[in-house]
Amino acid sequence: MAAWVETGRGVVSPWECDVTEHFTIAYYFDRLADAALTAIENLGLRELPSRPFPRRFDVRFVRELRAGASFHILSGLIGLDDSSVRLGHQIVDSADGEVTAWVEEKLDHGVARLPHEFLEVIRRRLLPWPGPAVERRPEPASTQGFIATVRDRIKPTDLSSDGKLALWALVHRFTAGSIQALAAIGATSPYMHSERRGYSTFELALEITRSPQLGDPVLVKTGIAHLGSSSIRFIHHMSDPANGTEYARLGQFGVQLDLDTRRPAALPKRLRAAATRMLVPVASSGT
């Protein structure tokens, strides 16, 4: 009988927390990479490539995990067709059993090459998704108006056991992009420390189309697609700076957070004015 399977269990180490004093998103993806591989093995889909592209993650954060928190991951198959597998992951607070984050992962590849009988057995293990529906946000048509926020090269320490760029290393660069973009609108490190403010992400949409190789240069450019009273939605694009080939993009929706009350805090006028200048045009609806 189909059931959610535990695919990860651990704790939040202090060094895995960011300036907002909670579990940084890159380390969520470190655990999700392991959970996805375990889920694929449990489903008997070892024949599939370990790194199919494109790959998409839609994440909705419900609650913070802070230093010392214990958590586990429940995973299951929530969709299967000729071109893709969809996995669902629930990140659960082990202390009280509450879901702290919902993750839908879509892996595109040639499932159709697998035997029909095998796929029918796998389809019987499909589970209903109890989490929130994915909301596709409008995207910019180009990177015009974006600013450069990361420029570096892929290092040996960025690689996972298969020799490819690790998910956490990719996402760390997008995190650095958001910090650079925040500094560009005046939410600098001195401001964050003196005002006790941070940027807390509540929604992510990560799309990976290809992987840079060891030694390759990468460039992240960032724009602002939405600006609210306390919220900012960043769009980050990672590409090859030599020819513009895109590797990945991240839609990151979050709020300015009061670090003492752990509640959203309105953006000051000067930050809003600077952020307005970074707004980029987006399509009228998502795709």
C-alpha atoms as a PDB file:
ATOM      1  CA  MET A   1       0.000   0.000   0.000  1.00  0.00           C
ATOM      2  CA  ALA A   2       1.317   3.454  -0.925  1.00  0.00           C
ATOM      3  CA  ALA A   3       2.594   5.436   2.051  1.00  0.00           C
ATOM      4  CA  TRP A   4       4.857   8.346   2.887  1.00  0.00           C
ATOM      5  CA  VAL A   5       8.371   7.078   3.628  1.00  0.00           C
ATOM      6  CA  GLU A   6      10.971   8.667   5.867  1.00  0.00           C
ATOM      7  CA  THR A   7      13.892   9.664   3.645  1.00  0.00           C
ATOM      8  CA  GLY A   8      15.904  11.873   5.997  1.00  0.00           C
ATOM      9  CA  ARG A   9      16.323  12.738   9.659  1.00  0.00           C
ATOM     10  CA  GLY A  10      18.629  15.205  11.359  1.00  0.00           C
ATOM     11  CA  VAL A  11      19.068  18.426  13.281  1.00  0.00           C
ATOM     12  CA  VAL A  12      19.816  22.064  12.499  1.00  0.00           C
ATOM     13  CA  SER A  13      23.409  22.836  13.461  1.00  0.00           C
ATOM     14  CA  PRO A  14      24.246  26.392  14.565  1.00  0.00           C
ATOM     15  CA  TRP A  15      26.666  26.808  11.649  1.00  0.00           C
ATOM     16  CA  GLU A  16      23.804  26.014   9.232  1.00  0.00           C
ATOM     17  CA  CYS A  17      21.896  29.142  10.283  1.00  0.00           C
ATOM     18  CA  ASP A  18      22.090  32.465   8.457  1.00  0.00           C
ATOM     19  CA  VAL A  19      21.994  36.129   9.444  1.00  0.00           C
ATOM     20  CA  THR A  20      18.226  35.826   9.932  1.00  0.00           C
ATOM     21  CA  GLU A  21      19.032  33.293  12.688  1.00  0.00           C
ATOM     22  CA  HIS A  22      17.299  30.295  11.150  1.00  0.00           C
ATOM     23  CA  PHE A  23      18.091  27.292   8.925  1.00  0.00           C
ATOM     24  CA  THR A  24      19.456  28.697   5.680  1.00  0.00           C
ATOM     25  CA  ILE A  25      17.716  27.558   2.500  1.00  0.00           C
ATOM     26  CA  ALA A  26      20.854  25.999   0.970  1.00  0.00           C
ATOM     27  CA  TYR A  27      20.957  23.402   3.735  1.00  0.00           C
ATOM     28  CA  TYR A  28      17.305  22.546   3.208  1.00  0.00           C
ATOM     29  CA  PHE A  29      18.345  21.620  -0.335  1.00  0.00           C
ATOM     30  CA  ASP A  30      21.322  19.656   0.951  1.00  0.00           C
ATOM     31  CA  ARG A  31      18.882  17.411   2.846  1.00  0.00           C
ATOM     32  CA  LEU A  32      16.369  17.375  -0.037  1.00  0.00           C
ATOM     33  CA  ALA A  33      19.005  16.075  -2.463  1.00  0.00           C
ATOM     34  CA  ASP A  34      19.567  13.061  -0.203  1.00  0.00           C
ATOM     35  CA  ALA A  35      15.822  12.588   0.356  1.00  0.00           C
ATOM     36  CA  ALA A  36      15.101  12.607  -3.394  1.00  0.00           C
ATOM     37  CA  LEU A  37      17.769  10.002  -4.121  1.00  0.00           C
ATOM     38  CA  THR A  38      16.484   7.780  -1.316  1.00  0.00           C
ATOM     39  CA  ALA A  39      12.895   8.155  -2.565  1.00  0.00           C
ATOM     40  CA  ILE A  40      13.909   7.212  -6.127  1.00  0.00           C
ATOM     41  CA  GLU A  41      15.744   4.144  -4.832  1.00  0.00           C
ATOM     42  CA  ASN A  42      12.756   3.135  -2.698  1.00  0.00           C
ATOM     43  CA  LEU A  43      10.513   3.376  -5.756  1.00  0.00           C
ATOM     44  CA  GLY A  44      12.807   1.136  -7.773  1.00  0.00           C
ATOM     45  CA  LEU A  45      13.636   3.885 -10.249  1.00  0.00           C
ATOM     46  CA  ARG A  46      17.417   3.460 -10.057  1.00  0.00           C
ATOM     47  CA  GLU A  47      17.489   3.176 -13.862  1.00  0.00           C
ATOM     48  CA  LEU A  48      16.708   6.875 -14.121  1.00  0.00           C
ATOM     49  CA  PRO A  49      19.580   9.381 -14.320  1.00  0.00           C
ATOM     50  CA  SER A  50      20.563  10.734 -10.909  1.00  0.00           C
ATOM     51  CA  ARG A  51      20.665  14.279 -12.317  1.00  0.00           C
ATOM     52  CA  PRO A  52      17.959  14.660 -14.968  1.00  0.00           C
ATOM     53  CA  PHE A  53      17.408  18.119 -16.395  1.00  0.00           C
ATOM     54  CA  PRO A  54      15.362  20.198 -16.308  1.00  0.00           C
ATOM     55  CA  ARG A  55      14.519  19.869 -12.638  1.00  0.00           C
ATOM     56  CA  ARG A  56      12.163  22.049 -10.626  1.00  0.00           C
ATOM     57  CA  PHE A  57      11.520  22.552  -6.921  1.00  0.00           C
ATOM     58  CA  ASP A  58       8.539  24.458  -5.530  1.00  0.00           C
ATOM     59  CA  VAL A  59       8.918  25.102  -1.805  1.00  0.00           C
ATOM     60  CA  ARG A  60       6.504  26.636   0.676  1.00  0.00           C
ATOM     61  CA  PHE A  61       7.936  27.372   4.124  1.00  0.00           C
ATOM     62  CA  VAL A  62       5.344  27.287   6.908  1.00  0.00           C
ATOM     63  CA  ARG A  63       7.492  27.614  10.028  1.00  0.00           C
ATOM     64  CA  GLU A  64      11.086  28.397  10.867  1.00  0.00           C
ATOM     65  CA  LEU A  65      13.604  25.791  11.924  1.00  0.00           C
ATOM     66  CA  ARG A  66      16.217  27.309  14.215  1.00  0.00           C
ATOM     67  CA  ALA A  67      19.499  26.073  15.687  1.00  0.00           C
ATOM     68  CA  GLY A  68      19.049  22.849  17.630  1.00  0.00           C
ATOM     69  CA  ALA A  69      15.736  21.909  15.993  1.00  0.00           C
ATOM     70  CA  SER A  70      15.219  18.244  15.111  1.00  0.00           C
ATOM     71  CA  PHE A  71      13.411  17.364  11.896  1.00  0.00           C
ATOM     72  CA  HIS A  72      12.723  14.541   9.464  1.00  0.00           C
ATOM     73  CA  ILE A  73      11.608  14.282   5.844  1.00  0.00           C
ATOM     74  CA  LEU A  74       8.720  12.232   4.478  1.00  0.00           C
ATOM     75  CA  SER A  75       8.743  11.608   0.718  1.00  0.00           C
ATOM     76  CA  GLY A  76       6.453   9.972  -1.810  1.00  0.00           C
ATOM     77  CA  LEU A  77       5.542   9.782  -5.469  1.00  0.00           C
ATOM     78  CA  ILE A  78       2.785  12.266  -6.331  1.00  0.00           C
ATOM     79  CA  GLY A  79       2.938  12.227 -10.141  1.00  0.00           C
ATOM     80  CA  LEU A  80       4.274  10.084 -12.993  1.00  0.00           C
ATOM     81  CA  ASP A  81       3.891  10.369 -16.760  1.00  0.00           C
ATOM     82  CA  ASP A  82       5.924   9.667 -19.888  1.00  0.00           C
ATOM     83  CA  SER A  83       8.157  12.687 -19.422  1.00  0.00           C
ATOM     84  CA  SER A  84       8.458  13.355 -15.699  1.00  0.00           C
ATOM     85  CA  VAL A  85       8.374  12.145 -12.127  1.00  0.00           C
ATOM     86  CA  ARG A  86       6.920  14.357  -9.378  1.00  0.00           C
ATOM     87  CA  LEU A  87       8.021  13.747  -5.825  1.00  0.00           C
ATOM     88  CA  GLY A  88       6.503  15.305  -2.733  1.00  0.00           C
ATOM     89  CA  HIS A  89       8.545  15.999   0.386  1.00  0.00           C
ATOM     90  CA  GLN A  90       7.268  17.043   3.808  1.00  0.00           C
ATOM     91  CA  ILE A  91       9.821  18.541   6.185  1.00  0.00           C
ATOM     92  CA  VAL A  92       8.498  17.762   9.651  1.00  0.00           C
ATOM     93  CA  ASP A  93       9.448  19.098  13.082  1.00  0.00           C
ATOM     94  CA  SER A  94      10.328  15.869  14.902  1.00  0.00           C
ATOM     95  CA  ALA A  95       9.438  17.387  18.286  1.00  0.00           C
ATOM     96  CA  ASP A  96       5.778  18.124  17.560  1.00  0.00           C
ATOM     97  CA  GLY A  97       5.038  16.423  14.217  1.00  0.00           C
ATOM     98  CA  GLU A  98       4.088  19.646  12.430  1.00  0.00           C
ATOM     99  CA  VAL A  99       5.057  20.170   8.789  1.00  0.00           C
ATOM    100  CA  THR A 100       7.452  23.103   8.529  1.00  0.00           C
ATOM    101  CA  ALA A 101       7.891  23.077   4.732  1.00  0.00           C
ATOM    102  CA  TRP A 102       6.179  21.512   1.706  1.00  0.00           C
ATOM    103  CA  VAL A 103       8.262  20.652  -1.365  1.00  0.00           C
ATOM    104  CA  GLU A 104       7.162  19.511  -4.826  1.00  0.00           C
ATOM    105  CA  GLU A 105      10.016  18.254  -7.000  1.00  0.00           C
ATOM    106  CA  LYS A 106       9.629  17.613 -10.721  1.00  0.00           C
ATOM    107  CA  LEU A 107      12.275  15.679 -12.642  1.00  0.00           C
ATOM    108  CA  ASP A 108      11.923  15.699 -16.428  1.00  0.00           C
ATOM    109  CA  HIS A 109      13.350  12.722 -18.343  1.00  0.00           C
ATOM    110  CA  GLY A 110      12.381   9.834 -20.612  1.00  0.00           C
ATOM    111  CA  VAL A 111      10.297   7.698 -18.275  1.00  0.00           C
ATOM    112  CA  ALA A 112       8.615   6.248 -21.373  1.00  0.00           C
ATOM    113  CA  ARG A 113      11.624   4.017 -22.045  1.00  0.00           C
ATOM    114  CA  LEU A 114      10.842   1.964 -18.936  1.00  0.00           C
ATOM    115  CA  PRO A 115       8.668  -1.155 -19.338  1.00  0.00           C
ATOM    116  CA  HIS A 116       4.928  -0.448 -19.306  1.00  0.00           C
ATOM    117  CA  GLU A 117       4.282  -3.132 -16.686  1.00  0.00           C
ATOM    118  CA  PHE A 118       6.901  -1.592 -14.407  1.00  0.00           C
ATOM    119  CA  LEU A 119       5.354   1.868 -14.744  1.00  0.00           C
ATOM    120  CA  GLU A 120       1.914   0.495 -13.906  1.00  0.00           C
ATOM    121  CA  VAL A 121       3.283  -0.964 -10.663  1.00  0.00           C
ATOM    122  CA  ILE A 122       4.899   2.366  -9.822  1.00  0.00           C
ATOM    123  CA  ARG A 123       1.680   4.265 -10.583  1.00  0.00           C
ATOM    124  CA  ARG A 124      -0.095   2.215  -7.919  1.00  0.00           C
ATOM    125  CA  ARG A 125       2.200   3.898  -5.404  1.00  0.00           C
ATOM    126  CA  LEU A 126       0.981   7.389  -6.255  1.00  0.00           C
ATOM    127  CA  LEU A 127      -0.044   9.440  -3.222  1.00  0.00           C
ATOM    128  CA  PRO A 128      -2.416  12.408  -2.968  1.00  0.00           C
ATOM    129  CA  TRP A 129      -0.579  15.649  -2.216  1.00  0.00           C
ATOM    130  CA  PRO A 130      -1.749  17.098   1.124  1.00  0.00           C
ATOM    131  CA  GLY A 131       0.267  20.285   0.769  1.00  0.00           C
ATOM    132  CA  PRO A 132      -0.617  23.665  -0.780  1.00  0.00           C
ATOM    133  CA  ALA A 133      -1.046  23.908  -4.540  1.00  0.00           C
ATOM    134  CA  VAL A 134       1.879  25.393  -6.420  1.00  0.00           C
ATOM    135  CA  GLU A 135       1.236  28.958  -7.543  1.00  0.00           C
ATOM    136  CA  ARG A 136       3.083  29.840 -10.737  1.00  0.00           C
ATOM    137  CA  ARG A 137       4.198  33.456 -10.427  1.00  0.00           C
ATOM    138  CA  PRO A 138       4.653  35.825 -13.390  1.00  0.00           C
ATOM    139  CA  GLU A 139       8.202  35.918 -14.733  1.00  0.00           C
ATOM    140  CA  PRO A 140      10.290  38.676 -16.351  1.00  0.00           C
ATOM    141  CA  ALA A 141      10.683  38.312 -20.107  1.00  0.00           C
ATOM    142  CA  SER A 142      14.415  39.071 -19.888  1.00  0.00           C
ATOM    143  CA  THR A 143      17.132  40.058 -17.427  1.00  0.00           C
ATOM    144  CA  GLN A 144      17.049  43.689 -18.531  1.00  0.00           C
ATOM    145  CA  GLY A 145      17.285  45.836 -15.407  1.00  0.00           C
ATOM    146  CA  PHE A 146      18.845  43.042 -13.325  1.00  0.00           C
ATOM    147  CA  ILE A 147      22.049  43.746 -11.410  1.00  0.00           C
ATOM    148  CA  ALA A 148      25.069  41.456 -11.005  1.00  0.00           C
ATOM    149  CA  THR A 149      25.000  39.890  -7.531  1.00  0.00           C
ATOM    150  CA  VAL A 150      27.415  36.912  -7.728  1.00  0.00           C
ATOM    151  CA  ARG A 151      30.438  36.285  -9.925  1.00  0.00           C
ATOM    152  CA  ASP A 152      32.729  33.328  -9.190  1.00  0.00           C
ATOM    153  CA  ARG A 153      33.814  29.855 -10.356  1.00  0.00           C
ATOM    154  CA  ILE A 154      32.823  26.298  -9.489  1.00  0.00           C
ATOM    155  CA  LYS A 155      35.276  24.840  -6.980  1.00  0.00           C
ATOM    156  CA  PRO A 156      36.001  21.229  -5.951  1.00  0.00           C
ATOM    157  CA  THR A 157      34.249  21.853  -2.629  1.00  0.00           C
ATOM    158  CA  ASP A 158      31.041  22.715  -4.556  1.00  0.00           C
ATOM    159  CA  LEU A 159      30.712  19.208  -6.018  1.00  0.00           C
ATOM    160  CA  SER A 160      28.602  16.344  -4.733  1.00  0.00           C
ATOM    161  CA  SER A 161      29.552  12.661  -4.757  1.00  0.00           C
ATOM    162  CA  ASP A 162      28.624  12.325  -8.452  1.00  0.00           C
ATOM    163  CA  GLY A 163      31.029  15.102  -9.461  1.00  0.00           C
ATOM    164  CA  LYS A 164      28.234  17.545 -10.327  1.00  0.00           C
ATOM    165  CA  LEU A 165      27.452  20.918  -8.746  1.00  0.00           C
ATOM    166  CA  ALA A 166      25.707  20.161  -5.449  1.00  0.00           C
ATOM    167  CA  LEU A 167      22.242  21.590  -4.876  1.00  0.00           C
ATOM    168  CA  TRP A 168      23.347  23.346  -1.703  1.00  0.00           C
ATOM    169  CA  ALA A 169      26.279  24.996  -3.516  1.00  0.00           C
ATOM    170  CA  LEU A 170      23.976  26.253  -6.259  1.00  0.00           C
ATOM    171  CA  VAL A 171      21.449  27.641  -3.757  1.00  0.00           C
ATOM    172  CA  HIS A 172      24.171  29.248  -1.619  1.00  0.00           C
ATOM    173  CA  ARG A 173      24.969  31.444  -4.617  1.00  0.00           C
ATOM    174  CA  PHE A 174      21.346  32.533  -4.899  1.00  0.00           C
ATOM    175  CA  THR A 175      21.361  33.332  -1.170  1.00  0.00           C
ATOM    176  CA  ALA A 176      24.442  35.480  -1.737  1.00  0.00           C
ATOM    177  CA  GLY A 177      22.562  37.130  -4.604  1.00  0.00           C
ATOM    178  CA  SER A 178      19.692  38.101  -2.312  1.00  0.00           C
ATOM    179  CA  ILE A 179      22.112  39.566   0.272  1.00  0.00           C
ATOM    180  CA  GLN A 180      23.848  41.592  -2.447  1.00  0.00           C
ATOM    181  CA  ALA A 181      20.474  42.803  -3.748  1.00  0.00           C
ATOM    182  CA  LEU A 182      19.349  43.745  -0.232  1.00  0.00           C
ATOM    183  CA  ALA A 183      22.558  45.734   0.241  1.00  0.00           C
ATOM    184  CA  ALA A 184      21.880  47.485  -3.076  1.00  0.00           C
ATOM    185  CA  ILE A 185      18.589  48.861  -1.713  1.00  0.00           C
ATOM    186  CA  GLY A 186      20.148  49.916   1.604  1.00  0.00           C
ATOM    187  CA  ALA A 187      19.440  46.805   3.706  1.00  0.00           C
ATOM    188  CA  THR A 188      23.134  46.517   4.475  1.00  0.00           C
ATOM    189  CA  SER A 189      24.812  44.499   7.211  1.00  0.00           C
ATOM    190  CA  PRO A 190      25.009  47.530   9.579  1.00  0.00           C
ATOM    191  CA  TYR A 191      21.305  48.221   8.957  1.00  0.00           C
ATOM    192  CA  MET A 192      20.346  44.597   9.640  1.00  0.00           C
ATOM    193  CA  HIS A 193      22.344  44.485  12.867  1.00  0.00           C
ATOM    194  CA  SER A 194      21.349  47.881  14.252  1.00  0.00           C
ATOM    195  CA  GLU A 195      17.650  47.544  13.371  1.00  0.00           C
ATOM    196  CA  ARG A 196      17.459  43.802  14.170  1.00  0.00           C
ATOM    197  CA  ARG A 197      16.098  42.985  10.719  1.00  0.00           C
ATOM    198  CA  GLY A 198      16.513  40.069   8.326  1.00  0.00           C
ATOM    199  CA  TYR A 199      15.027  38.675   5.119  1.00  0.00           C
ATOM    200  CA  SER A 200      12.897  35.568   5.634  1.00  0.00           C
ATOM    201  CA  THR A 201      11.923  33.450   2.621  1.00  0.00           C
ATOM    202  CA  PHE A 202       8.457  31.885   2.586  1.00  0.00           C
ATOM    203  CA  GLU A 203       8.308  30.619  -1.026  1.00  0.00           C
ATOM    204  CA  LEU A 204      10.849  29.357  -3.555  1.00  0.00           C
ATOM    205  CA  ALA A 205      10.628  28.221  -7.178  1.00  0.00           C
ATOM    206  CA  LEU A 206      13.938  26.740  -8.342  1.00  0.00           C
ATOM    207  CA  GLU A 207      14.438  25.617 -11.948  1.00  0.00           C
ATOM    208  CA  ILE A 208      17.676  23.924 -13.030  1.00  0.00           C
ATOM    209  CA  THR A 209      18.271  23.471 -16.752  1.00  0.00           C
ATOM    210  CA  ARG A 210      21.934  22.412 -16.834  1.00  0.00           C
ATOM    211  CA  SER A 211      24.954  22.178 -14.560  1.00  0.00           C
ATOM    212  CA  PRO A 212      28.194  24.156 -14.775  1.00  0.00           C
ATOM    213  CA  GLN A 213      31.328  22.052 -14.523  1.00  0.00           C
ATOM    214  CA  LEU A 214      34.342  22.277 -12.235  1.00  0.00           C
ATOM    215  CA  GLY A 215      36.248  25.484 -12.951  1.00  0.00           C
ATOM    216  CA  ASP A 216      33.448  27.090 -14.965  1.00  0.00           C
ATOM    217  CA  PRO A 217      32.670  30.760 -14.279  1.00  0.00           C
ATOM    218  CA  VAL A 218      29.144  31.610 -13.148  1.00  0.00           C
ATOM    219  CA  LEU A 219      27.257  34.880 -12.955  1.00  0.00           C
ATOM    220  CA  VAL A 220      24.096  35.549 -10.963  1.00  0.00           C
ATOM    221  CA  LYS A 221      21.924  38.530 -11.860  1.00  0.00           C
ATOM    222  CA  THR A 222      19.024  39.640  -9.692  1.00  0.00           C
ATOM    223  CA  GLY A 223      15.923  41.753 -10.146  1.00  0.00           C
ATOM    224  CA  ILE A 224      12.859  42.559  -8.037  1.00  0.00           C
ATOM    225  CA  ALA A 225       9.547  41.288  -9.455  1.00  0.00           C
ATOM    226  CA  HIS A 226       7.274  42.335  -6.575  1.00  0.00           C
ATOM    227  CA  LEU A 227       7.431  44.889  -3.793  1.00  0.00           C
ATOM    228  CA  GLY A 228       4.926  45.025  -0.926  1.00  0.00           C
ATOM    229  CA  SER A 229       4.839  46.821   2.419  1.00  0.00           C
ATOM    230  CA  SER A 230       7.203  44.237   3.941  1.00  0.00           C
ATOM    231  CA  SER A 231       7.612  41.705   1.116  1.00  0.00           C
ATOM    232  CA  ILE A 232      10.076  41.441  -1.750  1.00  0.00           C
ATOM    233  CA  ARG A 233      10.130  38.857  -4.518  1.00  0.00           C
ATOM    234  CA  PHE A 234      13.570  38.428  -6.028  1.00  0.00           C
ATOM    235  CA  ILE A 235      14.269  36.751  -9.362  1.00  0.00           C
ATOM    236  CA  HIS A 236      17.785  35.332  -9.690  1.00  0.00           C
ATOM    237  CA  HIS A 237      19.289  33.999 -12.936  1.00  0.00           C
ATOM    238  CA  MET A 238      22.540  31.993 -12.955  1.00  0.00           C
ATOM    239  CA  SER A 239      24.345  31.810 -16.287  1.00  0.00           C
ATOM    240  CA  ASP A 240      27.658  31.423 -18.083  1.00  0.00           C
ATOM    241  CA  PRO A 241      29.015  35.003 -18.224  1.00  0.00           C
ATOM    242  CA  ALA A 242      30.828  34.277 -21.492  1.00  0.00           C
ATOM    243  CA  ASN A 243      27.810  33.372 -23.615  1.00  0.00           C
ATOM    244  CA  GLY A 244      24.743  33.950 -21.435  1.00  0.00           C
ATOM    245  CA  THR A 245      23.703  30.271 -21.339  1.00  0.00           C
ATOM    246  CA  GLU A 246      21.346  29.854 -18.389  1.00  0.00           C
ATOM    247  CA  TYR A 247      22.083  27.228 -15.747  1.00  0.00           C
ATOM    248  CA  ALA A 248      19.311  27.906 -13.235  1.00  0.00           C
ATOM    249  CA  ARG A 249      16.846  30.489 -11.984  1.00  0.00           C
ATOM    250  CA  LEU A 250      15.221  31.077  -8.615  1.00  0.00           C
ATOM    251  CA  GLY A 251      12.078  32.962  -7.685  1.00  0.00           C
ATOM    252  CA  GLN A 252      12.461  33.906  -4.010  1.00  0.00           C
ATOM    253  CA  PHE A 253       9.536  35.459  -2.135  1.00  0.00           C
ATOM    254  CA  GLY A 254      10.091  36.706   1.392  1.00  0.00           C
ATOM    255  CA  VAL A 255       9.551  39.447   3.933  1.00  0.00           C
ATOM    256  CA  GLN A 256      11.654  41.767   6.005  1.00  0.00           C
ATOM    257  CA  LEU A 257      11.608  40.097   9.422  1.00  0.00           C
ATOM    258  CA  ASP A 258      11.818  41.641  12.890  1.00  0.00           C
ATOM    259  CA  LEU A 259      14.403  39.353  14.487  1.00  0.00           C
ATOM    260  CA  ASP A 260      13.010  39.863  17.992  1.00  0.00           C
ATOM    261  CA  THR A 261       9.284  39.406  17.393  1.00  0.00           C
ATOM    262  CA  ARG A 262       9.840  37.005  14.402  1.00  0.00           C
ATOM    263  CA  ARG A 263       7.101  38.903  12.555  1.00  0.00           C
ATOM    264  CA  PRO A 264       7.146  40.813   9.231  1.00  0.00           C
ATOM    265  CA  ALA A 265       8.315  44.424   9.523  1.00  0.00           C
ATOM    266  CA  ALA A 266       7.448  47.213   7.086  1.00  0.00           C
ATOM    267  CA  LEU A 267      10.233  48.406   4.810  1.00  0.00           C
ATOM    268  CA  PRO A 268      11.442  51.952   5.575  1.00  0.00           C
ATOM    269  CA  LYS A 269      10.687  54.590   2.924  1.00  0.00           C
ATOM    270  CA  ARG A 270      14.296  54.885   1.793  1.00  0.00           C
ATOM    271  CA  LEU A 271      14.561  51.115   1.222  1.00  0.00           C
ATOM    272  CA  ARG A 272      11.248  51.062  -0.627  1.00  0.00           C
ATOM    273  CA  ALA A 273      12.365  53.924  -2.867  1.00  0.00           C
ATOM    274  CA  ALA A 274      15.606  52.135  -3.724  1.00  0.00           C
ATOM    275  CA  ALA A 275      13.799  48.809  -4.262  1.00  0.00           C
ATOM    276  CA  THR A 276      11.301  50.494  -6.590  1.00  0.00           C
ATOM    277  CA  ARG A 277      14.188  51.458  -8.851  1.00  0.00           C
ATOM    278  CA  MET A 278      15.117  47.741  -9.099  1.00  0.00           C
ATOM    279  CA  LEU A 279      11.615  46.592 -10.102  1.00  0.00           C
ATOM    280  CA  VAL A 280      11.582  44.746 -13.434  1.00  0.00           C
ATOM    281  CA  PRO A 281       8.538  44.232 -15.683  1.00  0.00           C
ATOM    282  CA  VAL A 282       6.877  40.814 -15.527  1.00  0.00           C
ATOM    283  CA  ALA A 283       4.245  39.036 -17.608  1.00  0.00           C
ATOM    284  CA  SER A 284       0.629  39.581 -16.618  1.00  0.00           C
ATOM    285  CA  SER A 285       0.276  35.938 -15.527  1.00  0.00           C
ATOM    286  CA  GLY A 286       2.456  32.926 -14.740  1.00  0.00           C
ATOM    287  CA  THR A 287       3.131  30.127 -17.204  1.00  0.00           C
END
